């Protein structure tokens, strides 16, 4: 039975190590996305009320808009 054990456990170890190799890329993308969102929020907070109204959001909607939770009404209709 012990002769078969390495053959059985090896594929699981290989799959786990492949997942660990992909994790740094996913972590990097998540951090980059977070930093991009924070920069966009900081930029939008510098806008005056008229500029925010022109793009269709209120000051209270800045974070939601950056994360894509504010519907884009009236855009793209010709």
PDB file of N, CA and C in Angstrom:
ATOM      1  N   UNK A   1       0.817  -1.186   0.000  1.00  0.00           N
ATOM      2  CA  UNK A   1       0.000   0.000   0.000  1.00  0.00           C
ATOM      3  C   UNK A   1       0.861   1.249   0.000  1.00  0.00           C
ATOM      4  N   UNK A   2       1.998   1.236   0.710  1.00  0.00           N
ATOM      5  CA  UNK A   2       2.841   2.423   0.785  1.00  0.00           C
ATOM      6  C   UNK A   2       3.497   2.738  -0.554  1.00  0.00           C
ATOM      7  N   UNK A   3       3.633   1.767  -1.429  1.00  0.00           N
ATOM      8  CA  UNK A   3       4.215   2.018  -2.742  1.00  0.00           C
ATOM      9  C   UNK A   3       3.289   2.874  -3.593  1.00  0.00           C
ATOM     10  N   UNK A   4       2.003   2.801  -3.347  1.00  0.00           N
ATOM     11  CA  UNK A   4       1.048   3.572  -4.122  1.00  0.00           C
ATOM     12  C   UNK A   4       0.820   4.970  -3.549  1.00  0.00           C
ATOM     13  N   UNK A   5       1.171   5.204  -2.317  1.00  0.00           N
ATOM     14  CA  UNK A   5       0.912   6.470  -1.664  1.00  0.00           C
ATOM     15  C   UNK A   5       1.570   7.656  -2.379  1.00  0.00           C
ATOM     16  N   UNK A   6       2.859   7.604  -2.766  1.00  0.00           N
ATOM     17  CA  UNK A   6       3.431   8.755  -3.480  1.00  0.00           C
ATOM     18  C   UNK A   6       2.740   9.020  -4.819  1.00  0.00           C
ATOM     19  N   UNK A   7       2.305   7.978  -5.488  1.00  0.00           N
ATOM     20  CA  UNK A   7       1.619   8.163  -6.763  1.00  0.00           C
ATOM     21  C   UNK A   7       0.260   8.816  -6.563  1.00  0.00           C
ATOM     22  N   UNK A   8      -0.352   8.555  -5.439  1.00  0.00           N
ATOM     23  CA  UNK A   8      -1.667   9.127  -5.171  1.00  0.00           C
ATOM     24  C   UNK A   8      -1.552  10.580  -4.725  1.00  0.00           C
ATOM     25  N   UNK A   9      -0.582  10.888  -3.876  1.00  0.00           N
ATOM     26  CA  UNK A   9      -0.473  12.239  -3.319  1.00  0.00           C
ATOM     27  C   UNK A   9       0.263  13.204  -4.230  1.00  0.00           C
ATOM     28  N   UNK A  10       1.060  12.734  -5.143  1.00  0.00           N
ATOM     29  CA  UNK A  10       1.839  13.639  -6.002  1.00  0.00           C
ATOM     30  C   UNK A  10       0.973  14.587  -6.837  1.00  0.00           C
ATOM     31  N   UNK A  11      -0.097  14.134  -7.498  1.00  0.00           N
ATOM     32  CA  UNK A  11      -0.910  15.074  -8.270  1.00  0.00           C
ATOM     33  C   UNK A  11      -1.525  16.176  -7.404  1.00  0.00           C
ATOM     34  N   UNK A  12      -1.912  15.855  -6.189  1.00  0.00           N
ATOM     35  CA  UNK A  12      -2.485  16.871  -5.301  1.00  0.00           C
ATOM     36  C   UNK A  12      -1.430  17.915  -4.974  1.00  0.00           C
ATOM     37  N   UNK A  13      -0.214  17.491  -4.688  1.00  0.00           N
ATOM     38  CA  UNK A  13       0.874  18.414  -4.387  1.00  0.00           C
ATOM     39  C   UNK A  13       1.176  19.287  -5.600  1.00  0.00           C
ATOM     40  N   UNK A  14       1.161  18.721  -6.781  1.00  0.00           N
ATOM     41  CA  UNK A  14       1.434  19.492  -7.986  1.00  0.00           C
ATOM     42  C   UNK A  14       0.351  20.537  -8.214  1.00  0.00           C
ATOM     43  N   UNK A  15      -0.900  20.172  -8.026  1.00  0.00           N
ATOM     44  CA  UNK A  15      -1.986  21.136  -8.202  1.00  0.00           C
ATOM     45  C   UNK A  15      -1.879  22.267  -7.192  1.00  0.00           C
ATOM     46  N   UNK A  16      -1.526  21.946  -5.970  1.00  0.00           N
ATOM     47  CA  UNK A  16      -1.393  22.958  -4.928  1.00  0.00           C
ATOM     48  C   UNK A  16      -0.249  23.912  -5.263  1.00  0.00           C
ATOM     49  N   UNK A  17       0.877  23.388  -5.725  1.00  0.00           N
ATOM     50  CA  UNK A  17       2.000  24.262  -6.038  1.00  0.00           C
ATOM     51  C   UNK A  17       1.691  25.138  -7.250  1.00  0.00           C
ATOM     52  N   UNK A  18       0.925  24.627  -8.206  1.00  0.00           N
ATOM     53  CA  UNK A  18       0.517  25.454  -9.341  1.00  0.00           C
ATOM     54  C   UNK A  18      -0.383  26.593  -8.886  1.00  0.00           C
ATOM     55  N   UNK A  19      -1.264  26.309  -7.951  1.00  0.00           N
ATOM     56  CA  UNK A  19      -2.141  27.354  -7.417  1.00  0.00           C
ATOM     57  C   UNK A  19      -1.330  28.401  -6.672  1.00  0.00           C
ATOM     58  N   UNK A  20      -0.324  27.978  -5.942  1.00  0.00           N
ATOM     59  CA  UNK A  20       0.526  28.933  -5.224  1.00  0.00           C
ATOM     60  C   UNK A  20       1.322  29.807  -6.179  1.00  0.00           C
ATOM     61  N   UNK A  21       1.686  29.270  -7.327  1.00  0.00           N
ATOM     62  CA  UNK A  21       2.419  30.072  -8.312  1.00  0.00           C
ATOM     63  C   UNK A  21       1.528  31.124  -8.945  1.00  0.00           C
ATOM     64  N   UNK A  22       0.240  30.845  -9.073  1.00  0.00           N
ATOM     65  CA  UNK A  22      -0.694  31.815  -9.650  1.00  0.00           C
ATOM     66  C   UNK A  22      -1.086  32.885  -8.644  1.00  0.00           C
ATOM     67  N   UNK A  23      -0.996  32.592  -7.359  1.00  0.00           N
ATOM     68  CA  UNK A  23      -1.454  33.518  -6.338  1.00  0.00           C
ATOM     69  C   UNK A  23      -0.729  34.867  -6.371  1.00  0.00           C
ATOM     70  N   UNK A  24       0.587  34.927  -6.527  1.00  0.00           N
ATOM     71  CA  UNK A  24       1.222  36.244  -6.544  1.00  0.00           C
ATOM     72  C   UNK A  24       0.694  37.146  -7.665  1.00  0.00           C
ATOM     73  N   UNK A  25       0.377  36.585  -8.811  1.00  0.00           N
ATOM     74  CA  UNK A  25      -0.187  37.379  -9.899  1.00  0.00           C
ATOM     75  C   UNK A  25      -1.559  37.928  -9.536  1.00  0.00           C
ATOM     76  N   UNK A  26      -2.379  37.104  -8.931  1.00  0.00           N
ATOM     77  CA  UNK A  26      -3.710  37.541  -8.516  1.00  0.00           C
ATOM     78  C   UNK A  26      -3.608  38.576  -7.407  1.00  0.00           C
ATOM     79  N   UNK A  27      -2.687  38.371  -6.492  1.00  0.00           N
ATOM     80  CA  UNK A  27      -2.485  39.334  -5.409  1.00  0.00           C
ATOM     81  C   UNK A  27      -2.005  40.669  -5.968  1.00  0.00           C
ATOM     82  N   UNK A  28      -1.086  40.627  -6.909  1.00  0.00           N
ATOM     83  CA  UNK A  28      -0.593  41.849  -7.542  1.00  0.00           C
ATOM     84  C   UNK A  28      -1.738  42.592  -8.236  1.00  0.00           C
ATOM     85  N   UNK A  29      -2.580  41.866  -8.968  1.00  0.00           N
ATOM     86  CA  UNK A  29      -3.694  42.513  -9.666  1.00  0.00           C
ATOM     87  C   UNK A  29      -4.693  43.122  -8.681  1.00  0.00           C
ATOM     88  N   UNK A  30      -4.943  42.428  -7.577  1.00  0.00           N
ATOM     89  CA  UNK A  30      -5.874  42.948  -6.576  1.00  0.00           C
ATOM     90  C   UNK A  30      -5.327  44.224  -5.927  1.00  0.00           C
ATOM     91  N   UNK A  31      -4.046  44.238  -5.628  1.00  0.00           N
ATOM     92  CA  UNK A  31      -3.439  45.436  -5.037  1.00  0.00           C
ATOM     93  C   UNK A  31      -3.436  46.577  -6.036  1.00  0.00           C
ATOM     94  N   UNK A  32      -3.113  46.293  -7.285  1.00  0.00           N
ATOM     95  CA  UNK A  32      -3.103  47.335  -8.317  1.00  0.00           C
ATOM     96  C   UNK A  32      -4.501  47.908  -8.519  1.00  0.00           C
ATOM     97  N   UNK A  33      -5.520  47.041  -8.527  1.00  0.00           N
ATOM     98  CA  UNK A  33      -6.907  47.494  -8.679  1.00  0.00           C
ATOM     99  C   UNK A  33      -7.309  48.374  -7.488  1.00  0.00           C
ATOM    100  N   UNK A  34      -6.925  47.972  -6.279  1.00  0.00           N
ATOM    101  CA  UNK A  34      -7.234  48.753  -5.088  1.00  0.00           C
ATOM    102  C   UNK A  34      -6.585  50.135  -5.164  1.00  0.00           C
ATOM    103  N   UNK A  35      -5.324  50.184  -5.550  1.00  0.00           N
ATOM    104  CA  UNK A  35      -4.625  51.470  -5.643  1.00  0.00           C
ATOM    105  C   UNK A  35      -5.218  52.353  -6.738  1.00  0.00           C
ATOM    106  N   UNK A  36      -5.624  51.752  -7.851  1.00  0.00           N
ATOM    107  CA  UNK A  36      -6.280  52.519  -8.919  1.00  0.00           C
ATOM    108  C   UNK A  36      -7.597  53.113  -8.430  1.00  0.00           C
ATOM    109  N   UNK A  37      -8.366  52.323  -7.704  1.00  0.00           N
ATOM    110  CA  UNK A  37      -9.636  52.826  -7.171  1.00  0.00           C
ATOM    111  C   UNK A  37      -9.403  53.966  -6.190  1.00  0.00           C
ATOM    112  N   UNK A  38      -8.429  53.820  -5.310  1.00  0.00           N
ATOM    113  CA  UNK A  38      -8.157  54.876  -4.333  1.00  0.00           C
ATOM    114  C   UNK A  38      -7.711  56.160  -5.040  1.00  0.00           C
ATOM    115  N   UNK A  39      -6.907  56.049  -6.093  1.00  0.00           N
ATOM    116  CA  UNK A  39      -6.468  57.231  -6.838  1.00  0.00           C
ATOM    117  C   UNK A  39      -7.646  57.893  -7.540  1.00  0.00           C
ATOM    118  N   UNK A  40      -8.532  57.102  -8.115  1.00  0.00           N
ATOM    119  CA  UNK A  40      -9.712  57.663  -8.792  1.00  0.00           C
ATOM    120  C   UNK A  40     -10.620  58.373  -7.796  1.00  0.00           C
ATOM    121  N   UNK A  41     -10.790  57.783  -6.624  1.00  0.00           N
ATOM    122  CA  UNK A  41     -11.613  58.414  -5.588  1.00  0.00           C
ATOM    123  C   UNK A  41     -10.999  59.737  -5.162  1.00  0.00           C
ATOM    124  N   UNK A  42      -9.695  59.760  -4.961  1.00  0.00           N
ATOM    125  CA  UNK A  42      -9.015  61.000  -4.565  1.00  0.00           C
ATOM    126  C   UNK A  42      -9.173  62.069  -5.643  1.00  0.00           C
ATOM    127  N   UNK A  43      -9.054  61.677  -6.912  1.00  0.00           N
ATOM    128  CA  UNK A  43      -9.221  62.642  -8.007  1.00  0.00           C
ATOM    129  C   UNK A  43     -10.638  63.200  -8.040  1.00  0.00           C
ATOM    130  N   UNK A  44     -11.637  62.333  -7.905  1.00  0.00           N
ATOM    131  CA  UNK A  44     -13.023  62.795  -7.947  1.00  0.00           C
ATOM    132  C   UNK A  44     -13.384  63.674  -6.754  1.00  0.00           C
ATOM    133  N   UNK A  45     -12.769  63.438  -5.625  1.00  0.00           N
ATOM    134  CA  UNK A  45     -13.042  64.276  -4.452  1.00  0.00           C
ATOM    135  C   UNK A  45     -12.541  65.706  -4.640  1.00  0.00           C
ATOM    136  N   UNK A  46     -11.613  65.892  -5.558  1.00  0.00           N
ATOM    137  CA  UNK A  46     -11.110  67.241  -5.840  1.00  0.00           C
ATOM    138  C   UNK A  46     -12.032  68.032  -6.771  1.00  0.00           C
ATOM    139  N   UNK A  47     -12.974  67.355  -7.435  1.00  0.00           N
ATOM    140  CA  UNK A  47     -13.900  68.041  -8.330  1.00  0.00           C
ATOM    141  C   UNK A  47     -14.867  68.902  -7.527  1.00  0.00           C
ATOM    142  N   UNK A  48     -15.311  69.994  -8.138  1.00  0.00           N
ATOM    143  CA  UNK A  48     -16.353  70.807  -7.498  1.00  0.00           C
ATOM    144  C   UNK A  48     -17.723  70.187  -7.806  1.00  0.00           C
ATOM    145  N   UNK A  49     -18.760  70.732  -7.167  1.00  0.00           N
ATOM    146  CA  UNK A  49     -20.105  70.165  -7.315  1.00  0.00           C
ATOM    147  C   UNK A  49     -20.592  70.195  -8.758  1.00  0.00           C
ATOM    148  N   UNK A  50     -20.285  71.248  -9.494  1.00  0.00           N
ATOM    149  CA  UNK A  50     -20.722  71.366 -10.888  1.00  0.00           C
ATOM    150  C   UNK A  50     -20.078  70.282 -11.755  1.00  0.00           C
ATOM    151  N   UNK A  51     -18.800  70.037 -11.555  1.00  0.00           N
ATOM    152  CA  UNK A  51     -18.112  69.014 -12.342  1.00  0.00           C
ATOM    153  C   UNK A  51     -18.683  67.628 -12.044  1.00  0.00           C
ATOM    154  N   UNK A  52     -18.971  67.366 -10.767  1.00  0.00           N
ATOM    155  CA  UNK A  52     -19.571  66.076 -10.423  1.00  0.00           C
ATOM    156  C   UNK A  52     -20.958  65.946 -11.031  1.00  0.00           C
ATOM    157  N   UNK A  53     -21.720  67.035 -11.009  1.00  0.00           N
ATOM    158  CA  UNK A  53     -23.053  67.008 -11.607  1.00  0.00           C
ATOM    159  C   UNK A  53     -22.955  66.766 -13.112  1.00  0.00           C
ATOM    160  N   UNK A  54     -21.943  67.335 -13.761  1.00  0.00           N
ATOM    161  CA  UNK A  54     -21.753  67.136 -15.197  1.00  0.00           C
ATOM    162  C   UNK A  54     -21.509  65.672 -15.559  1.00  0.00           C
ATOM    163  N   UNK A  55     -20.835  64.947 -14.679  1.00  0.00           N
ATOM    164  CA  UNK A  55     -20.594  63.532 -14.973  1.00  0.00           C
ATOM    165  C   UNK A  55     -21.683  62.633 -14.389  1.00  0.00           C
ATOM    166  N   UNK A  56     -22.650  63.240 -13.700  1.00  0.00           N
ATOM    167  CA  UNK A  56     -23.837  62.508 -13.286  1.00  0.00           C
ATOM    168  C   UNK A  56     -23.780  61.841 -11.928  1.00  0.00           C
ATOM    169  N   UNK A  57     -22.918  62.331 -11.029  1.00  0.00           N
ATOM    170  CA  UNK A  57     -22.878  61.751  -9.684  1.00  0.00           C
ATOM    171  C   UNK A  57     -22.886  62.857  -8.640  1.00  0.00           C
ATOM    172  N   UNK A  58     -23.293  62.484  -7.431  1.00  0.00           N
ATOM    173  CA  UNK A  58     -23.216  63.367  -6.277  1.00  0.00           C
ATOM    174  C   UNK A  58     -21.928  63.059  -5.523  1.00  0.00           C
ATOM    175  N   UNK A  59     -21.546  63.947  -4.642  1.00  0.00           N
ATOM    176  CA  UNK A  59     -20.338  63.706  -3.842  1.00  0.00           C
ATOM    177  C   UNK A  59     -20.467  62.413  -3.030  1.00  0.00           C
ATOM    178  N   UNK A  60     -21.664  62.118  -2.559  1.00  0.00           N
ATOM    179  CA  UNK A  60     -21.867  60.908  -1.754  1.00  0.00           C
ATOM    180  C   UNK A  60     -21.782  59.623  -2.584  1.00  0.00           C
ATOM    181  N   UNK A  61     -21.782  59.743  -3.903  1.00  0.00           N
ATOM    182  CA  UNK A  61     -21.752  58.568  -4.778  1.00  0.00           C
ATOM    183  C   UNK A  61     -20.366  58.297  -5.361  1.00  0.00           C
ATOM    184  N   UNK A  62     -19.365  59.047  -4.947  1.00  0.00           N
ATOM    185  CA  UNK A  62     -18.040  58.928  -5.568  1.00  0.00           C
ATOM    186  C   UNK A  62     -17.500  57.503  -5.455  1.00  0.00           C
ATOM    187  N   UNK A  63     -17.445  56.962  -4.247  1.00  0.00           N
ATOM    188  CA  UNK A  63     -16.873  55.621  -4.088  1.00  0.00           C
ATOM    189  C   UNK A  63     -17.683  54.570  -4.825  1.00  0.00           C
ATOM    190  N   UNK A  64     -18.996  54.668  -4.761  1.00  0.00           N
ATOM    191  CA  UNK A  64     -19.844  53.702  -5.470  1.00  0.00           C
ATOM    192  C   UNK A  64     -19.626  53.801  -6.980  1.00  0.00           C
ATOM    193  N   UNK A  65     -19.470  55.010  -7.489  1.00  0.00           N
ATOM    194  CA  UNK A  65     -19.250  55.196  -8.925  1.00  0.00           C
ATOM    195  C   UNK A  65     -17.922  54.591  -9.363  1.00  0.00           C
ATOM    196  N   UNK A  66     -16.897  54.767  -8.568  1.00  0.00           N
ATOM    197  CA  UNK A  66     -15.581  54.212  -8.911  1.00  0.00           C
ATOM    198  C   UNK A  66     -15.639  52.689  -8.951  1.00  0.00           C
ATOM    199  N   UNK A  67     -16.410  52.102  -8.067  1.00  0.00           N
ATOM    200  CA  UNK A  67     -16.521  50.642  -8.022  1.00  0.00           C
ATOM    201  C   UNK A  67     -17.573  50.107  -8.991  1.00  0.00           C
ATOM    202  N   UNK A  68     -18.239  51.003  -9.727  1.00  0.00           N
ATOM    203  CA  UNK A  68     -19.183  50.575 -10.747  1.00  0.00           C
ATOM    204  C   UNK A  68     -20.586  50.305 -10.250  1.00  0.00           C
ATOM    205  N   UNK A  69     -20.955  50.850  -9.095  1.00  0.00           N
ATOM    206  CA  UNK A  69     -22.274  50.587  -8.527  1.00  0.00           C
ATOM    207  C   UNK A  69     -23.297  51.671  -8.824  1.00  0.00           C
ATOM    208  N   UNK A  70     -22.917  52.700  -9.549  1.00  0.00           N
ATOM    209  CA  UNK A  70     -23.854  53.760  -9.903  1.00  0.00           C
ATOM    210  C   UNK A  70     -24.251  53.551 -11.357  1.00  0.00           C
ATOM    211  N   UNK A  71     -25.548  53.409 -11.624  1.00  0.00           N
ATOM    212  CA  UNK A  71     -25.974  53.174 -13.010  1.00  0.00           C
ATOM    213  C   UNK A  71     -25.666  54.383 -13.906  1.00  0.00           C
ATOM    214  N   UNK A  72     -25.307  54.087 -15.126  1.00  0.00           N
ATOM    215  CA  UNK A  72     -24.964  55.136 -16.099  1.00  0.00           C
ATOM    216  C   UNK A  72     -26.188  55.470 -16.918  1.00  0.00           C
ATOM    217  N   UNK A  73     -27.083  56.238 -16.358  1.00  0.00           N
ATOM    218  CA  UNK A  73     -28.328  56.556 -17.051  1.00  0.00           C
ATOM    219  C   UNK A  73     -28.112  57.684 -18.050  1.00  0.00           C
ATOM    220  N   UNK A  74     -28.790  57.576 -19.174  1.00  0.00           N
ATOM    221  CA  UNK A  74     -28.756  58.632 -20.188  1.00  0.00           C
ATOM    222  C   UNK A  74     -27.486  58.715 -20.991  1.00  0.00           C
ATOM    223  N   UNK A  75     -26.613  57.713 -20.872  1.00  0.00           N
ATOM    224  CA  UNK A  75     -25.368  57.741 -21.640  1.00  0.00           C
ATOM    225  C   UNK A  75     -25.424  56.705 -22.753  1.00  0.00           C
ATOM    226  N   UNK A  76     -24.816  57.041 -23.826  1.00  0.00           N
ATOM    227  CA  UNK A  76     -24.722  56.099 -24.942  1.00  0.00           C
ATOM    228  C   UNK A  76     -25.982  56.008 -25.772  1.00  0.00           C
ATOM    229  N   UNK A  77     -26.919  56.866 -25.525  1.00  0.00           N
ATOM    230  CA  UNK A  77     -28.136  56.850 -26.322  1.00  0.00           C
ATOM    231  C   UNK A  77     -28.028  57.941 -27.378  1.00  0.00           C
ATOM    232  N   UNK A  78     -28.260  57.581 -28.596  1.00  0.00           N
ATOM    233  CA  UNK A  78     -28.059  58.539 -29.669  1.00  0.00           C
ATOM    234  C   UNK A  78     -29.289  58.957 -30.271  1.00  0.00           C
TER     235      UNK A  78
END
